[in-house]
């Protein structure tokens, strides 16, 4: 049983190594062109800041709505 599992694992490892040799992770030639700009963190900080601000403001509005609704329910019950 162990010998069969080892053969299967060895075959899978050989297959993966062959795939890695075939499809290397080198940058393609088009990456060196003048129109290709590298991705930097500064390019995405503004959108994520706006997203975080919208998320925070929606949580504040939701909390205020819950408070107002609770106060209205308490005043109607009296």
PDB file of N, CA and C in Angstrom:
ATOM      1  N   UNK A   1       0.821  -1.188   0.000  1.00  0.00           N
ATOM      2  CA  UNK A   1       0.000   0.000   0.000  1.00  0.00           C
ATOM      3  C   UNK A   1       0.871   1.260   0.000  1.00  0.00           C
ATOM      4  N   UNK A   2       1.884   1.274   0.856  1.00  0.00           N
ATOM      5  CA  UNK A   2       2.750   2.443   0.927  1.00  0.00           C
ATOM      6  C   UNK A   2       3.515   2.622  -0.381  1.00  0.00           C
ATOM      7  N   UNK A   3       3.948   1.530  -0.983  1.00  0.00           N
ATOM      8  CA  UNK A   3       4.695   1.620  -2.239  1.00  0.00           C
ATOM      9  C   UNK A   3       3.827   2.221  -3.336  1.00  0.00           C
ATOM     10  N   UNK A   4       2.544   1.864  -3.367  1.00  0.00           N
ATOM     11  CA  UNK A   4       1.641   2.422  -4.374  1.00  0.00           C
ATOM     12  C   UNK A   4       1.432   3.916  -4.155  1.00  0.00           C
ATOM     13  N   UNK A   5       1.274   4.321  -2.897  1.00  0.00           N
ATOM     14  CA  UNK A   5       1.104   5.745  -2.596  1.00  0.00           C
ATOM     15  C   UNK A   5       2.354   6.525  -2.972  1.00  0.00           C
ATOM     16  N   UNK A   6       3.528   5.933  -2.724  1.00  0.00           N
ATOM     17  CA  UNK A   6       4.772   6.609  -3.070  1.00  0.00           C
ATOM     18  C   UNK A   6       4.892   6.773  -4.580  1.00  0.00           C
ATOM     19  N   UNK A   7       4.488   5.755  -5.334  1.00  0.00           N
ATOM     20  CA  UNK A   7       4.544   5.852  -6.798  1.00  0.00           C
ATOM     21  C   UNK A   7       3.619   6.955  -7.298  1.00  0.00           C
ATOM     22  N   UNK A   8       2.426   7.033  -6.731  1.00  0.00           N
ATOM     23  CA  UNK A   8       1.477   8.066  -7.153  1.00  0.00           C
ATOM     24  C   UNK A   8       2.026   9.443  -6.809  1.00  0.00           C
ATOM     25  N   UNK A   9       2.571   9.610  -5.587  1.00  0.00           N
ATOM     26  CA  UNK A   9       3.113  10.891  -5.169  1.00  0.00           C
ATOM     27  C   UNK A   9       4.313  11.278  -6.016  1.00  0.00           C
ATOM     28  N   UNK A  10       5.171  10.331  -6.296  1.00  0.00           N
ATOM     29  CA  UNK A  10       6.345  10.614  -7.120  1.00  0.00           C
ATOM     30  C   UNK A  10       5.925  11.016  -8.527  1.00  0.00           C
ATOM     31  N   UNK A  11       4.897  10.374  -9.056  1.00  0.00           N
ATOM     32  CA  UNK A  11       4.399  10.731 -10.378  1.00  0.00           C
ATOM     33  C   UNK A  11       3.821  12.139 -10.367  1.00  0.00           C
ATOM     34  N   UNK A  12       3.053  12.472  -9.310  1.00  0.00           N
ATOM     35  CA  UNK A  12       2.469  13.800  -9.221  1.00  0.00           C
ATOM     36  C   UNK A  12       3.557  14.864  -9.092  1.00  0.00           C
ATOM     37  N   UNK A  13       4.581  14.603  -8.291  1.00  0.00           N
ATOM     38  CA  UNK A  13       5.668  15.565  -8.125  1.00  0.00           C
ATOM     39  C   UNK A  13       6.388  15.771  -9.450  1.00  0.00           C
ATOM     40  N   UNK A  14       6.632  14.693 -10.182  1.00  0.00           N
ATOM     41  CA  UNK A  14       7.272  14.816 -11.482  1.00  0.00           C
ATOM     42  C   UNK A  14       6.421  15.614 -12.453  1.00  0.00           C
ATOM     43  N   UNK A  15       5.118  15.418 -12.398  1.00  0.00           N
ATOM     44  CA  UNK A  15       4.204  16.155 -13.269  1.00  0.00           C
ATOM     45  C   UNK A  15       4.225  17.642 -12.941  1.00  0.00           C
ATOM     46  N   UNK A  16       4.210  17.965 -11.649  1.00  0.00           N
ATOM     47  CA  UNK A  16       4.231  19.371 -11.229  1.00  0.00           C
ATOM     48  C   UNK A  16       5.554  20.018 -11.620  1.00  0.00           C
ATOM     49  N   UNK A  17       6.642  19.323 -11.420  1.00  0.00           N
ATOM     50  CA  UNK A  17       7.947  19.878 -11.798  1.00  0.00           C
ATOM     51  C   UNK A  17       8.023  20.112 -13.303  1.00  0.00           C
ATOM     52  N   UNK A  18       7.469  19.219 -14.073  1.00  0.00           N
ATOM     53  CA  UNK A  18       7.465  19.388 -15.524  1.00  0.00           C
ATOM     54  C   UNK A  18       6.627  20.603 -15.923  1.00  0.00           C
ATOM     55  N   UNK A  19       5.487  20.781 -15.256  1.00  0.00           N
ATOM     56  CA  UNK A  19       4.654  21.955 -15.533  1.00  0.00           C
ATOM     57  C   UNK A  19       5.374  23.242 -15.159  1.00  0.00           C
ATOM     58  N   UNK A  20       6.064  23.235 -14.028  1.00  0.00           N
ATOM     59  CA  UNK A  20       6.782  24.433 -13.612  1.00  0.00           C
ATOM     60  C   UNK A  20       7.910  24.768 -14.580  1.00  0.00           C
ATOM     61  N   UNK A  21       8.548  23.765 -15.114  1.00  0.00           N
ATOM     62  CA  UNK A  21       9.595  24.025 -16.105  1.00  0.00           C
ATOM     63  C   UNK A  21       8.984  24.579 -17.396  1.00  0.00           C
ATOM     64  N   UNK A  22       7.825  24.090 -17.763  1.00  0.00           N
ATOM     65  CA  UNK A  22       7.178  24.538 -18.989  1.00  0.00           C
ATOM     66  C   UNK A  22       6.651  25.954 -18.851  1.00  0.00           C
ATOM     67  N   UNK A  23       5.974  26.221 -17.745  1.00  0.00           N
ATOM     68  CA  UNK A  23       5.348  27.528 -17.538  1.00  0.00           C
ATOM     69  C   UNK A  23       6.115  28.279 -16.444  1.00  0.00           C
ATOM     70  N   UNK A  24       7.247  28.815 -16.784  1.00  0.00           N
ATOM     71  CA  UNK A  24       8.047  29.557 -15.820  1.00  0.00           C
ATOM     72  C   UNK A  24       7.383  30.882 -15.488  1.00  0.00           C
ATOM     73  N   UNK A  25       7.772  31.461 -14.373  1.00  0.00           N
ATOM     74  CA  UNK A  25       7.180  32.712 -13.925  1.00  0.00           C
ATOM     75  C   UNK A  25       8.004  33.923 -14.344  1.00  0.00           C
ATOM     76  N   UNK A  26       8.672  33.841 -15.463  1.00  0.00           N
ATOM     77  CA  UNK A  26       9.442  34.982 -15.957  1.00  0.00           C
ATOM     78  C   UNK A  26       8.483  36.055 -16.472  1.00  0.00           C
ATOM     79  N   UNK A  27       8.935  37.304 -16.398  1.00  0.00           N
ATOM     80  CA  UNK A  27       8.125  38.392 -16.939  1.00  0.00           C
ATOM     81  C   UNK A  27       8.145  38.337 -18.459  1.00  0.00           C
ATOM     82  N   UNK A  28       7.020  38.518 -19.095  1.00  0.00           N
ATOM     83  CA  UNK A  28       7.005  38.531 -20.553  1.00  0.00           C
ATOM     84  C   UNK A  28       7.719  39.775 -21.093  1.00  0.00           C
ATOM     85  N   UNK A  29       8.064  39.739 -22.363  1.00  0.00           N
ATOM     86  CA  UNK A  29       8.803  40.841 -22.971  1.00  0.00           C
ATOM     87  C   UNK A  29       7.986  42.125 -22.988  1.00  0.00           C
ATOM     88  N   UNK A  30       6.662  42.025 -23.035  1.00  0.00           N
ATOM     89  CA  UNK A  30       5.836  43.223 -23.106  1.00  0.00           C
ATOM     90  C   UNK A  30       5.853  44.013 -21.797  1.00  0.00           C
ATOM     91  N   UNK A  31       6.305  43.412 -20.701  1.00  0.00           N
ATOM     92  CA  UNK A  31       6.352  44.112 -19.417  1.00  0.00           C
ATOM     93  C   UNK A  31       7.417  45.202 -19.389  1.00  0.00           C
ATOM     94  N   UNK A  32       8.367  45.134 -20.296  1.00  0.00           N
ATOM     95  CA  UNK A  32       9.430  46.126 -20.310  1.00  0.00           C
ATOM     96  C   UNK A  32       9.122  47.332 -21.174  1.00  0.00           C
ATOM     97  N   UNK A  33       7.934  47.405 -21.740  1.00  0.00           N
ATOM     98  CA  UNK A  33       7.584  48.493 -22.646  1.00  0.00           C
ATOM     99  C   UNK A  33       7.349  49.810 -21.929  1.00  0.00           C
ATOM    100  N   UNK A  34       7.303  50.911 -22.681  1.00  0.00           N
ATOM    101  CA  UNK A  34       7.132  52.233 -22.063  1.00  0.00           C
ATOM    102  C   UNK A  34       5.710  52.491 -21.559  1.00  0.00           C
ATOM    103  N   UNK A  35       4.730  51.737 -22.036  1.00  0.00           N
ATOM    104  CA  UNK A  35       3.345  51.966 -21.631  1.00  0.00           C
ATOM    105  C   UNK A  35       2.941  51.134 -20.423  1.00  0.00           C
ATOM    106  N   UNK A  36       3.831  50.287 -19.923  1.00  0.00           N
ATOM    107  CA  UNK A  36       3.521  49.434 -18.786  1.00  0.00           C
ATOM    108  C   UNK A  36       4.014  50.129 -17.521  1.00  0.00           C
ATOM    109  N   UNK A  37       3.083  50.406 -16.611  1.00  0.00           N
ATOM    110  CA  UNK A  37       3.434  51.078 -15.368  1.00  0.00           C
ATOM    111  C   UNK A  37       3.359  50.070 -14.228  1.00  0.00           C
ATOM    112  N   UNK A  38       4.345  50.065 -13.362  1.00  0.00           N
ATOM    113  CA  UNK A  38       4.295  49.117 -12.241  1.00  0.00           C
ATOM    114  C   UNK A  38       3.208  49.514 -11.248  1.00  0.00           C
ATOM    115  N   UNK A  39       2.621  48.531 -10.618  1.00  0.00           N
ATOM    116  CA  UNK A  39       1.595  48.793  -9.620  1.00  0.00           C
ATOM    117  C   UNK A  39       2.273  49.131  -8.304  1.00  0.00           C
ATOM    118  N   UNK A  40       1.881  50.250  -7.752  1.00  0.00           N
ATOM    119  CA  UNK A  40       2.453  50.666  -6.476  1.00  0.00           C
ATOM    120  C   UNK A  40       1.321  50.906  -5.485  1.00  0.00           C
ATOM    121  N   UNK A  41       1.653  50.898  -4.225  1.00  0.00           N
ATOM    122  CA  UNK A  41       0.644  51.073  -3.191  1.00  0.00           C
ATOM    123  C   UNK A  41       0.030  52.459  -3.232  1.00  0.00           C
ATOM    124  N   UNK A  42       0.777  53.449  -3.649  1.00  0.00           N
ATOM    125  CA  UNK A  42       0.260  54.814  -3.692  1.00  0.00           C
ATOM    126  C   UNK A  42      -0.902  54.941  -4.675  1.00  0.00           C
ATOM    127  N   UNK A  43      -0.967  54.082  -5.669  1.00  0.00           N
ATOM    128  CA  UNK A  43      -2.040  54.158  -6.653  1.00  0.00           C
ATOM    129  C   UNK A  43      -3.375  53.662  -6.140  1.00  0.00           C
ATOM    130  N   UNK A  44      -3.374  52.881  -5.077  1.00  0.00           N
ATOM    131  CA  UNK A  44      -4.629  52.324  -4.572  1.00  0.00           C
ATOM    132  C   UNK A  44      -5.001  52.830  -3.187  1.00  0.00           C
ATOM    133  N   UNK A  45      -4.178  53.663  -2.580  1.00  0.00           N
ATOM    134  CA  UNK A  45      -4.510  54.128  -1.234  1.00  0.00           C
ATOM    135  C   UNK A  45      -5.723  55.057  -1.238  1.00  0.00           C
ATOM    136  N   UNK A  46      -5.831  55.930  -2.227  1.00  0.00           N
ATOM    137  CA  UNK A  46      -6.970  56.855  -2.267  1.00  0.00           C
ATOM    138  C   UNK A  46      -8.299  56.113  -2.429  1.00  0.00           C
ATOM    139  N   UNK A  47      -8.426  55.173  -3.371  1.00  0.00           N
ATOM    140  CA  UNK A  47      -9.707  54.451  -3.468  1.00  0.00           C
ATOM    141  C   UNK A  47     -10.041  53.659  -2.204  1.00  0.00           C
ATOM    142  N   UNK A  48      -9.046  53.046  -1.590  1.00  0.00           N
ATOM    143  CA  UNK A  48      -9.321  52.286  -0.376  1.00  0.00           C
ATOM    144  C   UNK A  48      -9.656  53.212   0.790  1.00  0.00           C
ATOM    145  N   UNK A  49      -9.092  54.409   0.820  1.00  0.00           N
ATOM    146  CA  UNK A  49      -9.443  55.375   1.850  1.00  0.00           C
ATOM    147  C   UNK A  49     -10.889  55.820   1.682  1.00  0.00           C
ATOM    148  N   UNK A  50     -11.290  56.087   0.450  1.00  0.00           N
ATOM    149  CA  UNK A  50     -12.685  56.468   0.182  1.00  0.00           C
ATOM    150  C   UNK A  50     -13.614  55.322   0.557  1.00  0.00           C
ATOM    151  N   UNK A  51     -13.233  54.101   0.228  1.00  0.00           N
ATOM    152  CA  UNK A  51     -14.045  52.937   0.570  1.00  0.00           C
ATOM    153  C   UNK A  51     -14.174  52.786   2.082  1.00  0.00           C
ATOM    154  N   UNK A  52     -13.075  52.946   2.804  1.00  0.00           N
ATOM    155  CA  UNK A  52     -13.114  52.832   4.263  1.00  0.00           C
ATOM    156  C   UNK A  52     -13.949  53.951   4.877  1.00  0.00           C
ATOM    157  N   UNK A  53     -13.850  55.166   4.341  1.00  0.00           N
ATOM    158  CA  UNK A  53     -14.652  56.283   4.850  1.00  0.00           C
ATOM    159  C   UNK A  53     -16.138  56.034   4.614  1.00  0.00           C
ATOM    160  N   UNK A  54     -16.494  55.510   3.450  1.00  0.00           N
ATOM    161  CA  UNK A  54     -17.892  55.183   3.172  1.00  0.00           C
ATOM    162  C   UNK A  54     -18.405  54.093   4.089  1.00  0.00           C
ATOM    163  N   UNK A  55     -17.577  53.116   4.364  1.00  0.00           N
ATOM    164  CA  UNK A  55     -17.958  52.030   5.261  1.00  0.00           C
ATOM    165  C   UNK A  55     -18.179  52.571   6.676  1.00  0.00           C
ATOM    166  N   UNK A  56     -17.261  53.408   7.147  1.00  0.00           N
ATOM    167  CA  UNK A  56     -17.377  53.976   8.491  1.00  0.00           C
ATOM    168  C   UNK A  56     -18.606  54.873   8.600  1.00  0.00           C
ATOM    169  N   UNK A  57     -18.848  55.694   7.582  1.00  0.00           N
ATOM    170  CA  UNK A  57     -20.015  56.582   7.635  1.00  0.00           C
ATOM    171  C   UNK A  57     -21.319  55.792   7.589  1.00  0.00           C
ATOM    172  N   UNK A  58     -21.351  54.708   6.832  1.00  0.00           N
ATOM    173  CA  UNK A  58     -22.569  53.900   6.791  1.00  0.00           C
ATOM    174  C   UNK A  58     -22.814  53.219   8.135  1.00  0.00           C
ATOM    175  N   UNK A  59     -21.743  52.812   8.822  1.00  0.00           N
ATOM    176  CA  UNK A  59     -21.915  52.228  10.150  1.00  0.00           C
ATOM    177  C   UNK A  59     -22.439  53.270  11.146  1.00  0.00           C
ATOM    178  N   UNK A  60     -21.955  54.495  11.038  1.00  0.00           N
ATOM    179  CA  UNK A  60     -22.424  55.563  11.928  1.00  0.00           C
ATOM    180  C   UNK A  60     -23.901  55.848  11.669  1.00  0.00           C
ATOM    181  N   UNK A  61     -24.287  55.959  10.406  1.00  0.00           N
ATOM    182  CA  UNK A  61     -25.690  56.226  10.067  1.00  0.00           C
ATOM    183  C   UNK A  61     -26.572  55.071  10.543  1.00  0.00           C
ATOM    184  N   UNK A  62     -26.123  53.851  10.365  1.00  0.00           N
ATOM    185  CA  UNK A  62     -26.889  52.687  10.807  1.00  0.00           C
ATOM    186  C   UNK A  62     -27.074  52.704  12.320  1.00  0.00           C
ATOM    187  N   UNK A  63     -26.020  53.022  13.045  1.00  0.00           N
ATOM    188  CA  UNK A  63     -26.105  53.084  14.504  1.00  0.00           C
ATOM    189  C   UNK A  63     -27.063  54.175  14.952  1.00  0.00           C
ATOM    190  N   UNK A  64     -26.983  55.350  14.321  1.00  0.00           N
ATOM    191  CA  UNK A  64     -27.896  56.437  14.672  1.00  0.00           C
ATOM    192  C   UNK A  64     -29.348  56.068  14.363  1.00  0.00           C
ATOM    193  N   UNK A  65     -29.584  55.382  13.257  1.00  0.00           N
ATOM    194  CA  UNK A  65     -30.947  54.953  12.934  1.00  0.00           C
ATOM    195  C   UNK A  65     -31.478  53.984  13.985  1.00  0.00           C
ATOM    196  N   UNK A  66     -30.639  53.066  14.427  1.00  0.00           N
ATOM    197  CA  UNK A  66     -31.057  52.111  15.464  1.00  0.00           C
ATOM    198  C   UNK A  66     -31.399  52.840  16.754  1.00  0.00           C
ATOM    199  N   UNK A  67     -30.597  53.858  17.120  1.00  0.00           N
ATOM    200  CA  UNK A  67     -30.847  54.609  18.351  1.00  0.00           C
ATOM    201  C   UNK A  67     -32.160  55.379  18.241  1.00  0.00           C
ATOM    202  N   UNK A  68     -32.369  56.077  17.139  1.00  0.00           N
ATOM    203  CA  UNK A  68     -33.599  56.857  16.945  1.00  0.00           C
ATOM    204  C   UNK A  68     -34.813  55.934  16.935  1.00  0.00           C
ATOM    205  N   UNK A  69     -34.721  54.801  16.268  1.00  0.00           N
ATOM    206  CA  UNK A  69     -35.841  53.858  16.215  1.00  0.00           C
ATOM    207  C   UNK A  69     -36.150  53.309  17.604  1.00  0.00           C
ATOM    208  N   UNK A  70     -35.115  53.023  18.379  1.00  0.00           N
ATOM    209  CA  UNK A  70     -35.326  52.518  19.738  1.00  0.00           C
ATOM    210  C   UNK A  70     -35.978  53.570  20.614  1.00  0.00           C
ATOM    211  N   UNK A  71     -35.551  54.822  20.505  1.00  0.00           N
ATOM    212  CA  UNK A  71     -36.140  55.909  21.300  1.00  0.00           C
ATOM    213  C   UNK A  71     -37.593  56.105  20.912  1.00  0.00           C
ATOM    214  N   UNK A  72     -37.914  56.022  19.633  1.00  0.00           N
ATOM    215  CA  UNK A  72     -39.304  56.185  19.182  1.00  0.00           C
ATOM    216  C   UNK A  72     -40.174  55.055  19.705  1.00  0.00           C
ATOM    217  N   UNK A  73     -39.677  53.849  19.701  1.00  0.00           N
ATOM    218  CA  UNK A  73     -40.453  52.715  20.213  1.00  0.00           C
ATOM    219  C   UNK A  73     -40.701  52.846  21.702  1.00  0.00           C
ATOM    220  N   UNK A  74     -39.715  53.317  22.438  1.00  0.00           N
ATOM    221  CA  UNK A  74     -39.881  53.488  23.884  1.00  0.00           C
ATOM    222  C   UNK A  74     -40.914  54.587  24.176  1.00  0.00           C
ATOM    223  N   UNK A  75     -40.847  55.684  23.431  1.00  0.00           N
ATOM    224  CA  UNK A  75     -41.783  56.777  23.666  1.00  0.00           C
ATOM    225  C   UNK A  75     -43.216  56.385  23.250  1.00  0.00           C
ATOM    226  N   UNK A  76     -43.383  55.539  22.270  1.00  0.00           N
ATOM    227  CA  UNK A  76     -44.721  55.106  21.839  1.00  0.00           C
ATOM    228  C   UNK A  76     -45.322  54.121  22.816  1.00  0.00           C
ATOM    229  N   UNK A  77     -44.514  53.373  23.496  1.00  0.00           N
ATOM    230  CA  UNK A  77     -45.030  52.380  24.452  1.00  0.00           C
ATOM    231  C   UNK A  77     -45.544  53.054  25.728  1.00  0.00           C
ATOM    232  N   UNK A  78     -45.074  54.231  26.038  1.00  0.00           N
ATOM    233  CA  UNK A  78     -45.501  54.898  27.269  1.00  0.00           C
ATOM    234  C   UNK A  78     -46.828  55.570  27.149  1.00  0.00           C
TER     235      UNK A  78
END
